[in-house]
């Protein structure tokens, strides 16, 4: 099987673009997370300054928020690394029924439009 040089260039260029785009998305996500954490810290400090929250409680609240964030991140990571569940026979039958129903509706619409 011979490969054309332009195919290799396209593949390399596409790969490079995808890597760069992925890097930008990752950096944007990290930036948003850092910004959110800074905003939470500012808000908690403001509550402490106003006397609406004790410093000890503020530290505890910040710890809870960061722990919850870490837990959510671990859950998301676990969700993305687990393979999707296999479709059951019932799932396939239900989808087939929906497809049949949609096909009937499409045919009805075509008949109405033609008539």
N, C-alpha and C. Protein backbone atom coordinates (compact mmCIF):
# COMPACT_ATOMS: atom_id res chain seq x y z
N UNK A 1 0.85 -1.18 0.00
CA UNK A 1 0.00 0.00 0.00
C UNK A 1 0.89 1.23 0.00
N UNK A 2 0.81 2.03 -1.02
CA UNK A 2 1.65 3.21 -1.10
C UNK A 2 0.88 4.42 -0.57
N UNK A 3 1.61 5.27 0.11
CA UNK A 3 1.00 6.47 0.65
C UNK A 3 1.51 7.67 -0.12
N UNK A 4 0.62 8.61 -0.34
CA UNK A 4 1.00 9.83 -1.03
C UNK A 4 1.59 10.80 -0.02
N UNK A 5 2.63 11.54 -0.39
CA UNK A 5 3.26 12.50 0.53
C UNK A 5 2.27 13.53 1.06
N UNK A 6 1.31 13.94 0.19
CA UNK A 6 0.35 14.94 0.65
C UNK A 6 -0.56 14.40 1.75
N UNK A 7 -0.85 13.09 1.75
CA UNK A 7 -1.64 12.49 2.82
C UNK A 7 -0.90 12.56 4.15
N UNK A 8 0.40 12.30 4.13
CA UNK A 8 1.20 12.39 5.35
C UNK A 8 1.21 13.81 5.88
N UNK A 9 1.33 14.80 4.97
CA UNK A 9 1.34 16.20 5.37
C UNK A 9 -0.01 16.57 5.97
N UNK A 10 -1.07 16.14 5.33
CA UNK A 10 -2.42 16.44 5.85
C UNK A 10 -2.60 15.82 7.22
N UNK A 11 -2.21 14.56 7.37
CA UNK A 11 -2.35 13.89 8.65
C UNK A 11 -1.54 14.59 9.73
N UNK A 12 -0.32 14.98 9.41
CA UNK A 12 0.55 15.65 10.38
C UNK A 12 -0.04 17.02 10.73
N UNK A 13 -0.49 17.77 9.72
CA UNK A 13 -1.06 19.08 9.96
C UNK A 13 -2.34 18.97 10.78
N UNK A 14 -3.16 18.01 10.46
CA UNK A 14 -4.40 17.82 11.20
C UNK A 14 -4.10 17.45 12.65
N UNK A 15 -3.16 16.55 12.82
CA UNK A 15 -2.76 16.14 14.17
C UNK A 15 -2.23 17.33 14.96
N UNK A 16 -1.39 18.15 14.34
CA UNK A 16 -0.82 19.32 15.01
C UNK A 16 -1.92 20.31 15.39
N UNK A 17 -2.88 20.53 14.51
CA UNK A 17 -3.99 21.44 14.81
C UNK A 17 -4.84 20.91 15.97
N UNK A 18 -5.11 19.61 15.95
CA UNK A 18 -5.90 19.02 17.04
C UNK A 18 -5.17 19.10 18.37
N UNK A 19 -3.87 18.87 18.35
CA UNK A 19 -3.08 18.97 19.58
C UNK A 19 -3.11 20.40 20.09
N UNK A 20 -2.93 21.36 19.21
CA UNK A 20 -2.93 22.77 19.62
C UNK A 20 -4.31 23.18 20.15
N UNK A 21 -5.36 22.76 19.47
CA UNK A 21 -6.71 23.06 19.93
C UNK A 21 -6.98 22.43 21.29
N UNK A 22 -6.56 21.19 21.46
CA UNK A 22 -6.73 20.52 22.75
C UNK A 22 -5.98 21.25 23.85
N UNK A 23 -4.78 21.71 23.53
CA UNK A 23 -3.98 22.45 24.52
C UNK A 23 -4.69 23.74 24.92
N UNK A 24 -5.24 24.45 23.94
CA UNK A 24 -5.94 25.70 24.23
C UNK A 24 -7.18 25.45 25.09
N UNK A 25 -7.91 24.39 24.77
CA UNK A 25 -9.11 24.06 25.55
C UNK A 25 -8.73 23.72 26.98
N UNK A 26 -7.69 22.93 27.14
CA UNK A 26 -7.23 22.56 28.47
C UNK A 26 -6.80 23.78 29.26
N UNK A 27 -6.03 24.67 28.64
CA UNK A 27 -5.59 25.88 29.31
C UNK A 27 -6.77 26.78 29.68
N UNK A 28 -7.76 26.87 28.80
CA UNK A 28 -8.94 27.67 29.10
C UNK A 28 -9.69 27.08 30.29
N UNK A 29 -9.82 25.77 30.33
CA UNK A 29 -10.48 25.12 31.46
C UNK A 29 -9.74 25.34 32.76
N UNK A 30 -8.42 25.21 32.72
CA UNK A 30 -7.62 25.46 33.92
C UNK A 30 -7.73 26.91 34.36
N UNK A 31 -7.72 27.82 33.39
CA UNK A 31 -7.87 29.24 33.72
C UNK A 31 -9.21 29.53 34.36
N UNK A 32 -10.26 28.93 33.83
CA UNK A 32 -11.59 29.14 34.39
C UNK A 32 -11.67 28.58 35.81
N UNK A 33 -11.07 27.41 36.03
CA UNK A 33 -11.07 26.81 37.36
C UNK A 33 -10.31 27.69 38.35
N UNK A 34 -9.16 28.20 37.92
CA UNK A 34 -8.37 29.07 38.79
C UNK A 34 -9.12 30.35 39.11
N UNK A 35 -9.76 30.92 38.10
CA UNK A 35 -10.54 32.14 38.29
C UNK A 35 -11.69 31.89 39.25
N UNK A 36 -12.37 30.77 39.09
CA UNK A 36 -13.48 30.44 39.98
C UNK A 36 -12.99 30.30 41.42
N UNK A 37 -11.86 29.65 41.60
CA UNK A 37 -11.31 29.48 42.95
C UNK A 37 -10.96 30.84 43.55
N UNK A 38 -10.37 31.72 42.75
CA UNK A 38 -10.02 33.06 43.24
C UNK A 38 -11.28 33.82 43.66
N UNK A 39 -12.34 33.70 42.85
CA UNK A 39 -13.58 34.39 43.16
C UNK A 39 -14.20 33.85 44.46
N UNK A 40 -14.15 32.56 44.64
CA UNK A 40 -14.67 31.95 45.87
C UNK A 40 -13.87 32.46 47.06
N UNK A 41 -12.54 32.48 46.93
CA UNK A 41 -11.69 32.95 48.03
C UNK A 41 -11.99 34.40 48.36
N UNK A 42 -12.15 35.24 47.33
CA UNK A 42 -12.49 36.66 47.56
C UNK A 42 -13.82 36.80 48.28
N UNK A 43 -14.80 36.03 47.85
CA UNK A 43 -16.12 36.10 48.46
C UNK A 43 -16.05 35.70 49.93
N UNK A 44 -15.34 34.62 50.23
CA UNK A 44 -15.23 34.17 51.61
C UNK A 44 -14.49 35.20 52.45
N UNK A 45 -13.41 35.78 51.91
CA UNK A 45 -12.68 36.83 52.63
C UNK A 45 -13.57 38.05 52.89
N UNK A 46 -14.40 38.37 51.94
CA UNK A 46 -15.33 39.48 52.12
C UNK A 46 -16.29 39.20 53.27
N UNK A 47 -16.79 37.97 53.33
CA UNK A 47 -17.68 37.61 54.44
C UNK A 47 -16.96 37.72 55.78
N UNK A 48 -15.69 37.33 55.81
CA UNK A 48 -14.90 37.44 57.05
C UNK A 48 -14.71 38.91 57.41
N UNK A 49 -14.35 39.74 56.42
CA UNK A 49 -14.15 41.16 56.67
C UNK A 49 -15.41 41.83 57.20
N UNK A 50 -16.55 41.43 56.70
CA UNK A 50 -17.83 42.01 57.14
C UNK A 50 -18.26 41.45 58.50
N UNK A 51 -17.57 40.44 58.95
CA UNK A 51 -17.93 39.84 60.22
C UNK A 51 -19.09 38.87 60.11
N UNK A 52 -19.44 38.50 58.90
CA UNK A 52 -20.55 37.58 58.69
C UNK A 52 -20.10 36.12 58.79
N UNK A 53 -18.79 35.92 58.83
CA UNK A 53 -18.24 34.58 58.89
C UNK A 53 -16.94 34.62 59.68
N UNK A 54 -16.81 33.70 60.63
CA UNK A 54 -15.59 33.63 61.43
C UNK A 54 -14.46 33.09 60.56
N UNK A 55 -13.23 33.50 60.86
CA UNK A 55 -12.09 33.07 60.08
C UNK A 55 -11.95 31.56 60.08
N UNK A 56 -12.19 30.95 61.23
CA UNK A 56 -12.12 29.48 61.34
C UNK A 56 -13.15 28.83 60.42
N UNK A 57 -14.37 29.39 60.43
CA UNK A 57 -15.42 28.86 59.56
C UNK A 57 -15.10 29.09 58.09
N UNK A 58 -14.44 30.19 57.80
CA UNK A 58 -14.06 30.50 56.41
C UNK A 58 -13.07 29.46 55.90
N UNK A 59 -12.07 29.13 56.74
CA UNK A 59 -11.09 28.11 56.33
C UNK A 59 -11.79 26.77 56.10
N UNK A 60 -12.71 26.43 56.99
CA UNK A 60 -13.45 25.18 56.85
C UNK A 60 -14.29 25.18 55.57
N UNK A 61 -14.95 26.30 55.31
CA UNK A 61 -15.79 26.41 54.11
C UNK A 61 -14.94 26.27 52.86
N UNK A 62 -13.78 26.91 52.84
CA UNK A 62 -12.89 26.83 51.68
C UNK A 62 -12.42 25.40 51.48
N UNK A 63 -12.07 24.74 52.57
CA UNK A 63 -11.63 23.34 52.49
C UNK A 63 -12.75 22.47 51.91
N UNK A 64 -13.98 22.68 52.38
CA UNK A 64 -15.12 21.90 51.89
C UNK A 64 -15.36 22.14 50.40
N UNK A 65 -15.26 23.39 49.99
CA UNK A 65 -15.48 23.72 48.57
C UNK A 65 -14.41 23.06 47.71
N UNK A 66 -13.16 23.16 48.13
CA UNK A 66 -12.07 22.56 47.35
C UNK A 66 -12.18 21.03 47.34
N UNK A 67 -12.56 20.45 48.47
CA UNK A 67 -12.76 18.99 48.52
C UNK A 67 -13.87 18.57 47.58
N UNK A 68 -14.96 19.34 47.57
CA UNK A 68 -16.09 19.02 46.69
C UNK A 68 -15.67 19.15 45.22
N UNK A 69 -14.90 20.19 44.93
CA UNK A 69 -14.41 20.37 43.55
C UNK A 69 -13.54 19.18 43.13
N UNK A 70 -12.65 18.75 44.03
CA UNK A 70 -11.80 17.61 43.73
C UNK A 70 -12.62 16.34 43.51
N UNK A 71 -13.66 16.17 44.33
CA UNK A 71 -14.52 15.00 44.19
C UNK A 71 -15.24 15.00 42.84
N UNK A 72 -15.75 16.16 42.45
CA UNK A 72 -16.43 16.28 41.15
C UNK A 72 -15.47 15.99 40.02
N UNK A 73 -14.25 16.49 40.13
CA UNK A 73 -13.26 16.24 39.08
C UNK A 73 -12.93 14.75 38.98
N UNK A 74 -12.80 14.08 40.13
CA UNK A 74 -12.53 12.64 40.11
C UNK A 74 -13.70 11.87 39.49
N UNK A 75 -14.93 12.28 39.82
CA UNK A 75 -16.11 11.62 39.25
C UNK A 75 -16.17 11.81 37.74
N UNK A 76 -15.88 13.02 37.29
CA UNK A 76 -15.90 13.28 35.84
C UNK A 76 -14.84 12.45 35.14
N UNK A 77 -13.67 12.37 35.75
CA UNK A 77 -12.59 11.59 35.15
C UNK A 77 -12.98 10.12 35.07
N UNK A 78 -13.61 9.61 36.14
CA UNK A 78 -14.05 8.21 36.16
C UNK A 78 -15.10 7.97 35.08
N UNK A 79 -16.01 8.94 34.90
CA UNK A 79 -17.05 8.79 33.88
C UNK A 79 -16.46 8.72 32.48
N UNK A 80 -15.43 9.52 32.24
CA UNK A 80 -14.87 9.56 30.89
C UNK A 80 -13.95 8.38 30.62
N UNK A 81 -13.45 7.72 31.66
CA UNK A 81 -12.54 6.59 31.43
C UNK A 81 -13.27 5.26 31.40
N UNK A 82 -14.53 5.24 31.85
CA UNK A 82 -15.29 3.99 31.83
C UNK A 82 -15.89 3.78 30.45
N UNK A 83 -15.81 2.55 29.96
CA UNK A 83 -16.43 2.29 28.66
C UNK A 83 -17.96 2.39 28.78
N UNK A 84 -18.62 2.81 27.73
CA UNK A 84 -20.07 2.91 27.78
C UNK A 84 -20.69 1.53 27.96
N UNK A 85 -21.83 1.49 28.62
CA UNK A 85 -22.53 0.23 28.82
C UNK A 85 -23.05 -0.28 27.48
N UNK A 86 -23.04 -1.58 27.31
CA UNK A 86 -23.54 -2.18 26.07
C UNK A 86 -25.06 -2.05 26.02
N UNK A 87 -25.55 -1.83 24.83
CA UNK A 87 -27.00 -1.73 24.65
C UNK A 87 -27.62 -3.11 24.84
N UNK A 88 -28.75 -3.11 25.54
CA UNK A 88 -29.46 -4.37 25.75
C UNK A 88 -30.39 -4.62 24.58
N UNK A 89 -30.92 -5.80 24.52
CA UNK A 89 -31.88 -6.15 23.47
C UNK A 89 -33.10 -5.23 23.57
N UNK A 90 -33.53 -4.95 24.80
CA UNK A 90 -34.67 -4.06 25.01
C UNK A 90 -34.37 -2.65 24.49
N UNK A 91 -33.14 -2.17 24.72
CA UNK A 91 -32.74 -0.85 24.21
C UNK A 91 -32.84 -0.81 22.69
N UNK A 92 -32.32 -1.85 22.06
CA UNK A 92 -32.32 -1.91 20.59
C UNK A 92 -33.75 -1.99 20.05
N UNK A 93 -34.59 -2.79 20.71
CA UNK A 93 -35.99 -2.90 20.27
C UNK A 93 -36.72 -1.57 20.43
N UNK A 94 -36.46 -0.86 21.55
CA UNK A 94 -37.10 0.43 21.78
C UNK A 94 -36.67 1.44 20.72
N UNK A 95 -35.38 1.46 20.40
CA UNK A 95 -34.89 2.37 19.36
C UNK A 95 -35.46 2.01 17.99
N UNK A 96 -35.56 0.74 17.71
CA UNK A 96 -36.13 0.30 16.43
C UNK A 96 -37.57 0.75 16.31
N UNK A 97 -38.33 0.64 17.40
CA UNK A 97 -39.73 1.07 17.39
C UNK A 97 -39.81 2.58 17.14
N UNK A 98 -38.95 3.34 17.78
CA UNK A 98 -38.95 4.80 17.59
C UNK A 98 -38.59 5.15 16.15
N UNK A 99 -37.61 4.44 15.60
CA UNK A 99 -37.22 4.69 14.21
C UNK A 99 -38.37 4.38 13.27
N UNK A 100 -39.06 3.29 13.51
CA UNK A 100 -40.22 2.93 12.67
C UNK A 100 -41.29 4.00 12.76
N UNK A 101 -41.54 4.47 13.98
CA UNK A 101 -42.55 5.51 14.18
C UNK A 101 -42.16 6.80 13.45
N UNK A 102 -40.91 7.17 13.53
CA UNK A 102 -40.44 8.36 12.83
C UNK A 102 -40.52 8.20 11.32
N UNK A 103 -40.19 7.01 10.82
CA UNK A 103 -40.30 6.76 9.38
C UNK A 103 -41.74 6.90 8.92
N UNK A 104 -42.69 6.41 9.71
CA UNK A 104 -44.12 6.55 9.35
C UNK A 104 -44.51 8.02 9.30
N UNK A 105 -44.07 8.79 10.27
CA UNK A 105 -44.40 10.22 10.29
C UNK A 105 -43.79 10.93 9.09
N UNK A 106 -42.57 10.56 8.74
CA UNK A 106 -41.92 11.17 7.57
C UNK A 106 -42.72 10.86 6.32
N UNK A 107 -43.14 9.62 6.17
CA UNK A 107 -43.94 9.23 5.00
C UNK A 107 -45.26 9.99 4.96
N UNK A 108 -45.90 10.15 6.12
CA UNK A 108 -47.15 10.91 6.18
C UNK A 108 -46.93 12.35 5.74
N UNK A 109 -45.85 12.95 6.21
CA UNK A 109 -45.53 14.34 5.83
C UNK A 109 -45.25 14.45 4.34
N UNK A 110 -44.56 13.46 3.80
CA UNK A 110 -44.27 13.47 2.36
C UNK A 110 -45.56 13.38 1.56
N UNK A 111 -46.48 12.54 2.00
CA UNK A 111 -47.75 12.39 1.31
C UNK A 111 -48.55 13.68 1.39
N UNK A 112 -48.55 14.33 2.55
CA UNK A 112 -49.27 15.59 2.70
C UNK A 112 -48.67 16.67 1.81
N UNK A 113 -47.34 16.70 1.74
CA UNK A 113 -46.68 17.71 0.93
C UNK A 113 -46.92 17.46 -0.56
N UNK A 114 -46.95 16.18 -0.97
CA UNK A 114 -47.17 15.83 -2.38
C UNK A 114 -48.62 16.05 -2.78
N UNK A 115 -49.53 15.88 -1.83
CA UNK A 115 -50.96 15.94 -2.16
C UNK A 115 -51.56 17.28 -2.11
